[in-house]
Amino acid sequence: MKIFLKQLYSIFESKEHLRTFRSAELTEARSFNTGSLNQSLKRLVKKGFLEKNMDQFSLTDSGIIESKRIARLASLWEQYLLKRTRVDVDHVHSGAEAIEHIITPEIEKELEKELGIEGIPQEDY
């Protein structure tokens, strides 16, 4: 579900902050399984991150905040891997996607500290 939310944020940014999209945009952007995509979209609506209107979905304010947070966690992990390991740049992104959903607030703070970017206000991510 978090991968979908992160992808929604990517679409949101690429559309110059237009909140509305069709599920087909997600399947075009990545090869998502239609069944799991539909289940995830329903869960995101239920959690209040999306609103559905006919065949279109819109990110809610809380959806934007959460998707931005997930994208930020992936970025923090990517930066950490690049700084502290010998992982090739080409492999960092997939590694970040695998771990971003288990980064706790405590780990997030440690990553910020390690990377020298402590104290980023929540509204900035």
Protein backbone atom coordinates (compact mmCIF):
# COMPACT_ATOMS: atom_id res chain seq x y z
CA MET A 1 0.00 0.00 0.00
CA LYS A 2 2.82 2.43 0.84
CA ILE A 3 4.43 1.82 -2.53
CA PHE A 4 1.19 2.93 -4.18
CA LEU A 5 0.97 6.00 -1.97
CA LYS A 6 4.54 6.93 -2.81
CA GLN A 7 3.80 6.49 -6.51
CA LEU A 8 0.74 8.72 -6.12
CA TYR A 9 2.97 11.43 -4.68
CA SER A 10 5.26 11.07 -7.67
CA ILE A 11 2.28 11.53 -10.01
CA PHE A 12 1.08 14.45 -7.87
CA GLU A 13 4.46 16.17 -8.24
CA SER A 14 4.72 15.45 -11.97
CA LYS A 15 1.27 16.94 -12.56
CA GLU A 16 2.33 20.17 -10.85
CA HIS A 17 0.36 19.34 -7.71
CA LEU A 18 -2.91 18.36 -9.37
CA ARG A 19 -4.46 15.93 -6.92
CA THR A 20 -6.71 13.96 -9.27
CA PHE A 21 -5.64 10.88 -11.22
CA ARG A 22 -7.02 7.70 -12.72
CA SER A 23 -5.87 4.26 -11.63
CA ALA A 24 -4.60 3.71 -15.19
CA GLU A 25 -1.92 6.33 -14.49
CA LEU A 26 -0.50 4.06 -11.80
CA THR A 27 -0.46 1.02 -14.05
CA GLU A 28 1.23 3.09 -16.76
CA ALA A 29 3.82 4.48 -14.34
CA ARG A 30 4.67 1.03 -12.93
CA SER A 31 3.60 -2.45 -13.77
CA PHE A 32 1.21 -2.88 -10.86
CA ASN A 33 -1.07 -5.88 -10.73
CA THR A 34 -4.60 -4.57 -11.31
CA GLY A 35 -6.09 -6.62 -8.47
CA SER A 36 -3.59 -5.47 -5.86
CA LEU A 37 -3.80 -1.92 -7.18
CA ASN A 38 -7.59 -1.85 -6.74
CA GLN A 39 -7.31 -3.33 -3.22
CA SER A 40 -4.69 -0.76 -2.24
CA LEU A 41 -6.72 2.12 -3.64
CA LYS A 42 -9.74 0.95 -1.62
CA ARG A 43 -7.61 0.77 1.54
CA LEU A 44 -6.22 4.25 0.89
CA VAL A 45 -9.77 5.59 0.49
CA LYS A 46 -10.80 3.85 3.72
CA LYS A 47 -7.82 5.35 5.59
CA GLY A 48 -8.71 8.82 4.31
CA PHE A 49 -5.64 9.28 2.10
CA LEU A 50 -7.72 9.25 -1.10
CA GLU A 51 -11.18 10.26 -2.19
CA LYS A 52 -12.94 8.49 -5.05
CA ASN A 53 -15.23 10.21 -7.53
CA MET A 54 -16.46 7.98 -10.35
CA ASP A 55 -13.31 6.62 -12.05
CA GLN A 56 -10.99 9.24 -10.56
CA PHE A 57 -9.12 9.42 -7.28
CA SER A 58 -7.87 12.48 -5.44
CA LEU A 59 -5.19 12.74 -2.79
CA THR A 60 -6.55 14.24 0.41
CA ASP A 61 -4.49 16.62 2.53
CA SER A 62 -3.56 13.74 4.81
CA GLY A 63 -2.75 11.62 1.74
CA ILE A 64 -0.33 14.27 0.52
CA ILE A 65 1.32 14.48 3.93
CA GLU A 66 1.65 10.69 4.27
CA SER A 67 2.86 10.12 0.71
CA LYS A 68 5.41 12.91 1.11
CA ARG A 69 6.58 11.31 4.37
CA ILE A 70 7.03 7.92 2.69
CA ALA A 71 8.99 9.49 -0.19
CA ARG A 72 11.16 11.26 2.38
CA LEU A 73 11.88 8.03 4.26
CA ALA A 74 12.96 6.35 1.03
CA SER A 75 15.20 9.30 0.26
CA LEU A 76 16.75 9.21 3.75
CA TRP A 77 17.50 5.51 3.38
CA GLU A 78 18.96 6.01 -0.11
CA GLN A 79 21.21 8.79 1.18
CA TYR A 80 22.29 6.61 4.10
CA LEU A 81 23.12 3.67 1.82
CA LEU A 82 25.13 5.91 -0.47
CA LYS A 83 27.02 7.47 2.43
CA ARG A 84 27.71 4.38 4.53
CA THR A 85 27.84 1.39 2.20
CA ARG A 86 29.41 0.34 -1.05
CA VAL A 87 26.07 -0.25 -2.71
CA ASP A 88 26.03 0.88 -6.33
CA VAL A 89 23.86 3.89 -7.09
CA ASP A 90 21.86 1.69 -9.48
CA HIS A 91 20.87 -0.63 -6.61
CA VAL A 92 20.06 1.94 -3.95
CA HIS A 93 16.50 2.73 -5.07
CA SER A 94 15.21 -0.85 -4.93
CA GLY A 95 16.83 -1.31 -1.52
CA ALA A 96 15.14 1.82 -0.24
CA GLU A 97 11.73 0.67 -1.46
CA ALA A 98 12.21 -2.61 0.36
CA ILE A 99 12.92 -0.96 3.72
CA GLU A 100 11.09 2.40 3.73
CA HIS A 101 7.92 0.87 5.18
CA ILE A 102 9.66 -0.42 8.31
CA ILE A 103 11.54 2.75 9.25
CA THR A 104 10.24 3.76 12.66
CA PRO A 105 10.29 7.36 13.91
CA GLU A 106 13.31 6.40 16.06
CA ILE A 107 15.21 5.05 13.05
CA GLU A 108 14.18 8.12 11.07
CA LYS A 109 15.72 10.37 13.73
CA GLU A 110 18.91 8.28 13.74
CA LEU A 111 19.14 8.55 9.95
CA GLU A 112 18.67 12.31 10.13
CA LYS A 113 21.36 12.54 12.79
CA GLU A 114 23.74 10.31 10.81
CA LEU A 115 23.18 12.36 7.65
CA GLY A 116 23.42 15.70 9.47
CA ILE A 117 19.89 16.81 8.65
CA GLU A 118 18.26 16.86 12.07
CA GLY A 119 15.25 18.94 12.86
CA ILE A 120 13.46 19.01 9.53
CA PRO A 121 9.97 20.35 10.28
CA GLN A 122 7.20 17.86 9.57
CA GLU A 123 5.48 20.28 7.19
CA ASP A 124 8.58 20.20 4.98
CA TYR A 125 8.17 16.55 4.06
